Amino acid sequence: PDLILLDMELPKKDGREVLAEIRGDESLCEIPVIVLTASLVHRVVLEAQELQVDAYMTKPVSLEKFIDTVKSLRRSWLSELVLHSDA
């Protein structure tokens, strides 16, 4: 993938564990990770554990807002990726 959206509140595995696995895997570690979180506590914990995150997004509370957020992210973040790949 070109980008990973990672929710910290996963049902079976903690998001921190997933992030640590991503960052520890040679084939995945360079992929930008955006953390979806409803809590600023996650940011503090991730920074304390020195787990690299490329950006944080507040988790939308409704499906409609989530779709709007992803569309906005697609326009802004992915256009940045294209700009940097052309350089």
N, C-alpha and C. Protein backbone atom coordinates (compact mmCIF):
# COMPACT_ATOMS: atom_id res chain seq x y z
N PRO A 1 0.83 -1.21 0.00
CA PRO A 1 0.00 0.00 0.00
C PRO A 1 0.87 1.26 0.00
N ASP A 2 0.27 2.35 -0.46
CA ASP A 2 0.97 3.64 -0.45
C ASP A 2 0.80 4.37 0.87
N LEU A 3 -0.20 3.99 1.63
CA LEU A 3 -0.55 4.68 2.87
C LEU A 3 -1.33 3.72 3.76
N ILE A 4 -1.06 3.79 5.06
CA ILE A 4 -1.79 2.95 6.01
C ILE A 4 -2.55 3.85 6.97
N LEU A 5 -3.87 3.64 7.06
CA LEU A 5 -4.70 4.29 8.07
C LEU A 5 -4.86 3.27 9.19
N LEU A 6 -4.38 3.60 10.38
CA LEU A 6 -4.38 2.65 11.49
C LEU A 6 -5.22 3.16 12.64
N ASP A 7 -6.25 2.40 12.96
CA ASP A 7 -7.09 2.71 14.12
C ASP A 7 -6.43 2.12 15.35
N MET A 8 -6.30 2.88 16.40
CA MET A 8 -5.68 2.39 17.62
C MET A 8 -6.58 1.43 18.39
N GLU A 9 -7.88 1.51 18.17
CA GLU A 9 -8.84 0.68 18.90
C GLU A 9 -9.29 -0.49 18.03
N LEU A 10 -8.42 -1.43 17.83
CA LEU A 10 -8.75 -2.61 17.03
C LEU A 10 -9.36 -3.68 17.93
N PRO A 11 -10.23 -4.52 17.38
CA PRO A 11 -10.93 -5.49 18.22
C PRO A 11 -10.06 -6.65 18.73
N LYS A 12 -9.09 -7.09 17.97
CA LYS A 12 -8.33 -8.28 18.37
C LYS A 12 -6.89 -8.00 18.74
N LYS A 13 -6.34 -6.91 18.25
CA LYS A 13 -4.94 -6.60 18.51
C LYS A 13 -4.81 -5.10 18.74
N ASP A 14 -4.01 -4.73 19.70
CA ASP A 14 -3.78 -3.33 20.02
C ASP A 14 -3.10 -2.63 18.85
N GLY A 15 -3.55 -1.41 18.54
CA GLY A 15 -2.97 -0.65 17.44
C GLY A 15 -1.48 -0.40 17.60
N ARG A 16 -1.01 -0.28 18.84
CA ARG A 16 0.43 -0.10 19.08
C ARG A 16 1.22 -1.31 18.63
N GLU A 17 0.67 -2.49 18.87
CA GLU A 17 1.33 -3.71 18.43
C GLU A 17 1.42 -3.76 16.91
N VAL A 18 0.33 -3.39 16.25
CA VAL A 18 0.32 -3.38 14.79
C VAL A 18 1.34 -2.38 14.27
N LEU A 19 1.38 -1.19 14.85
CA LEU A 19 2.34 -0.17 14.43
C LEU A 19 3.77 -0.65 14.63
N ALA A 20 4.04 -1.29 15.75
CA ALA A 20 5.39 -1.81 16.01
C ALA A 20 5.76 -2.87 14.97
N GLU A 21 4.81 -3.71 14.60
CA GLU A 21 5.06 -4.73 13.58
C GLU A 21 5.33 -4.08 12.22
N ILE A 22 4.55 -3.06 11.88
CA ILE A 22 4.76 -2.35 10.60
C ILE A 22 6.14 -1.75 10.56
N ARG A 23 6.51 -1.06 11.63
CA ARG A 23 7.81 -0.38 11.66
C ARG A 23 8.98 -1.36 11.73
N GLY A 24 8.73 -2.56 12.21
CA GLY A 24 9.78 -3.57 12.30
C GLY A 24 9.91 -4.44 11.07
N ASP A 25 9.03 -4.28 10.11
CA ASP A 25 9.03 -5.09 8.89
C ASP A 25 9.69 -4.31 7.76
N GLU A 26 10.77 -4.84 7.20
CA GLU A 26 11.50 -4.14 6.14
C GLU A 26 10.64 -3.78 4.95
N SER A 27 9.68 -4.63 4.63
CA SER A 27 8.85 -4.36 3.45
C SER A 27 7.74 -3.34 3.72
N LEU A 28 7.48 -3.03 4.99
CA LEU A 28 6.41 -2.09 5.34
C LEU A 28 6.89 -0.81 6.01
N CYS A 29 8.08 -0.80 6.56
CA CYS A 29 8.51 0.29 7.44
C CYS A 29 8.55 1.67 6.79
N GLU A 30 8.66 1.73 5.48
CA GLU A 30 8.73 3.03 4.79
C GLU A 30 7.36 3.58 4.42
N ILE A 31 6.30 2.80 4.60
CA ILE A 31 4.96 3.24 4.22
C ILE A 31 4.46 4.25 5.27
N PRO A 32 3.97 5.40 4.84
CA PRO A 32 3.43 6.37 5.79
C PRO A 32 2.23 5.78 6.55
N VAL A 33 2.21 6.05 7.86
CA VAL A 33 1.11 5.58 8.70
C VAL A 33 0.41 6.78 9.32
N ILE A 34 -0.90 6.83 9.12
CA ILE A 34 -1.73 7.85 9.76
C ILE A 34 -2.58 7.14 10.80
N VAL A 35 -2.47 7.61 12.02
CA VAL A 35 -3.20 6.99 13.13
C VAL A 35 -4.55 7.68 13.31
N LEU A 36 -5.61 6.87 13.32
CA LEU A 36 -6.95 7.35 13.64
C LEU A 36 -7.17 7.13 15.12
N THR A 37 -7.47 8.18 15.84
CA THR A 37 -7.67 8.05 17.27
C THR A 37 -8.72 9.01 17.76
N ALA A 38 -9.42 8.61 18.79
CA ALA A 38 -10.40 9.48 19.42
C ALA A 38 -9.82 10.10 20.68
N SER A 39 -8.57 9.78 20.97
CA SER A 39 -7.97 10.22 22.24
C SER A 39 -6.56 10.75 22.02
N LEU A 40 -6.25 11.86 22.67
CA LEU A 40 -4.89 12.39 22.63
C LEU A 40 -3.93 11.51 23.41
N VAL A 41 -4.45 10.66 24.28
CA VAL A 41 -3.62 9.75 25.06
C VAL A 41 -2.81 8.85 24.13
N HIS A 42 -3.43 8.40 23.04
CA HIS A 42 -2.71 7.53 22.11
C HIS A 42 -1.46 8.22 21.58
N ARG A 43 -1.58 9.48 21.25
CA ARG A 43 -0.42 10.21 20.72
C ARG A 43 0.71 10.23 21.74
N VAL A 44 0.39 10.52 22.97
CA VAL A 44 1.40 10.57 24.03
C VAL A 44 2.07 9.21 24.21
N VAL A 45 1.26 8.15 24.21
CA VAL A 45 1.78 6.79 24.39
C VAL A 45 2.69 6.41 23.22
N LEU A 46 2.25 6.67 22.00
CA LEU A 46 3.05 6.33 20.83
C LEU A 46 4.37 7.07 20.82
N GLU A 47 4.33 8.35 21.18
CA GLU A 47 5.56 9.13 21.22
C GLU A 47 6.49 8.62 22.32
N ALA A 48 5.93 8.24 23.46
CA ALA A 48 6.73 7.71 24.56
C ALA A 48 7.39 6.39 24.18
N GLN A 49 6.69 5.61 23.37
CA GLN A 49 7.24 4.32 22.93
C GLN A 49 8.10 4.46 21.68
N GLU A 50 8.27 5.71 21.22
CA GLU A 50 9.09 6.02 20.06
C GLU A 50 8.66 5.25 18.81
N LEU A 51 7.34 5.12 18.64
CA LEU A 51 6.78 4.49 17.45
C LEU A 51 6.46 5.58 16.45
N GLN A 52 7.14 5.55 15.32
CA GLN A 52 7.02 6.61 14.32
C GLN A 52 5.65 6.61 13.65
N VAL A 53 5.01 7.77 13.71
CA VAL A 53 3.72 7.99 13.06
C VAL A 53 3.88 9.21 12.16
N ASP A 54 3.33 9.13 10.97
CA ASP A 54 3.46 10.25 10.03
C ASP A 54 2.43 11.34 10.25
N ALA A 55 1.28 10.98 10.79
CA ALA A 55 0.24 11.97 11.09
C ALA A 55 -0.81 11.34 12.01
N TYR A 56 -1.56 12.21 12.65
CA TYR A 56 -2.67 11.78 13.50
C TYR A 56 -3.95 12.40 12.96
N MET A 57 -5.04 11.65 13.04
CA MET A 57 -6.35 12.16 12.65
C MET A 57 -7.34 11.81 13.75
N THR A 58 -8.20 12.76 14.07
CA THR A 58 -9.27 12.47 15.01
C THR A 58 -10.28 11.57 14.32
N LYS A 59 -10.62 10.51 15.00
CA LYS A 59 -11.55 9.53 14.42
C LYS A 59 -12.94 10.14 14.34
N PRO A 60 -13.50 10.19 13.14
CA PRO A 60 -14.87 10.71 13.00
C PRO A 60 -15.88 9.79 13.70
N VAL A 61 -16.96 10.38 14.17
CA VAL A 61 -17.93 9.60 14.92
C VAL A 61 -19.01 8.97 14.06
N SER A 62 -19.17 9.42 12.83
CA SER A 62 -20.20 8.82 11.97
C SER A 62 -19.56 8.34 10.67
N LEU A 63 -20.21 7.42 10.00
CA LEU A 63 -19.71 6.90 8.73
C LEU A 63 -19.60 8.02 7.70
N GLU A 64 -20.59 8.88 7.65
CA GLU A 64 -20.57 9.98 6.68
C GLU A 64 -19.36 10.89 6.91
N LYS A 65 -19.09 11.22 8.16
CA LYS A 65 -17.93 12.07 8.46
C LYS A 65 -16.63 11.33 8.16
N PHE A 66 -16.60 10.02 8.41
CA PHE A 66 -15.42 9.24 8.10
C PHE A 66 -15.13 9.28 6.60
N ILE A 67 -16.16 9.09 5.79
CA ILE A 67 -15.99 9.13 4.33
C ILE A 67 -15.50 10.51 3.89
N ASP A 68 -16.08 11.57 4.45
CA ASP A 68 -15.62 12.92 4.12
C ASP A 68 -14.15 13.12 4.51
N THR A 69 -13.78 12.60 5.67
CA THR A 69 -12.40 12.72 6.14
C THR A 69 -11.44 11.99 5.21
N VAL A 70 -11.81 10.78 4.81
CA VAL A 70 -10.95 10.00 3.92
C VAL A 70 -10.83 10.70 2.56
N LYS A 71 -11.91 11.26 2.05
CA LYS A 71 -11.85 11.98 0.78
C LYS A 71 -10.92 13.18 0.89
N SER A 72 -11.01 13.89 1.99
CA SER A 72 -10.14 15.04 2.21
C SER A 72 -8.68 14.60 2.33
N LEU A 73 -8.47 13.53 3.05
CA LEU A 73 -7.13 12.98 3.20
C LEU A 73 -6.57 12.57 1.85
N ARG A 74 -7.40 11.94 1.07
CA ARG A 74 -6.97 11.49 -0.27
C ARG A 74 -6.50 12.68 -1.10
N ARG A 75 -7.26 13.76 -1.05
CA ARG A 75 -6.89 14.95 -1.84
C ARG A 75 -5.59 15.55 -1.33
N SER A 76 -5.43 15.68 -0.04
CA SER A 76 -4.26 16.38 0.49
C SER A 76 -3.03 15.49 0.62
N TRP A 77 -3.17 14.37 1.31
CA TRP A 77 -2.00 13.52 1.59
C TRP A 77 -1.47 12.86 0.32
N LEU A 78 -2.34 12.26 -0.46
CA LEU A 78 -1.88 11.56 -1.64
C LEU A 78 -1.31 12.51 -2.68
N SER A 79 -1.82 13.74 -2.75
CA SER A 79 -1.24 14.70 -3.68
C SER A 79 0.18 15.05 -3.23
N GLU A 80 0.43 15.07 -1.94
CA GLU A 80 1.78 15.29 -1.42
C GLU A 80 2.70 14.14 -1.81
N LEU A 81 2.20 12.91 -1.72
CA LEU A 81 3.00 11.75 -2.11
C LEU A 81 3.39 11.83 -3.58
N VAL A 82 2.46 12.25 -4.42
CA VAL A 82 2.74 12.38 -5.85
C VAL A 82 3.79 13.45 -6.09
N LEU A 83 3.65 14.57 -5.40
CA LEU A 83 4.62 15.66 -5.55
C LEU A 83 6.02 15.21 -5.17
N HIS A 84 6.12 14.47 -4.08
CA HIS A 84 7.44 14.02 -3.62
C HIS A 84 8.01 12.93 -4.51
N SER A 85 7.17 12.12 -5.11
CA SER A 85 7.68 11.06 -5.99
C SER A 85 8.15 11.62 -7.32
N ASP A 86 7.63 12.78 -7.71
CA ASP A 86 8.05 13.41 -8.96
C ASP A 86 9.39 14.15 -8.82
N ALA A 87 9.78 14.42 -7.59
CA ALA A 87 11.00 15.20 -7.35
C ALA A 87 12.25 14.41 -7.62
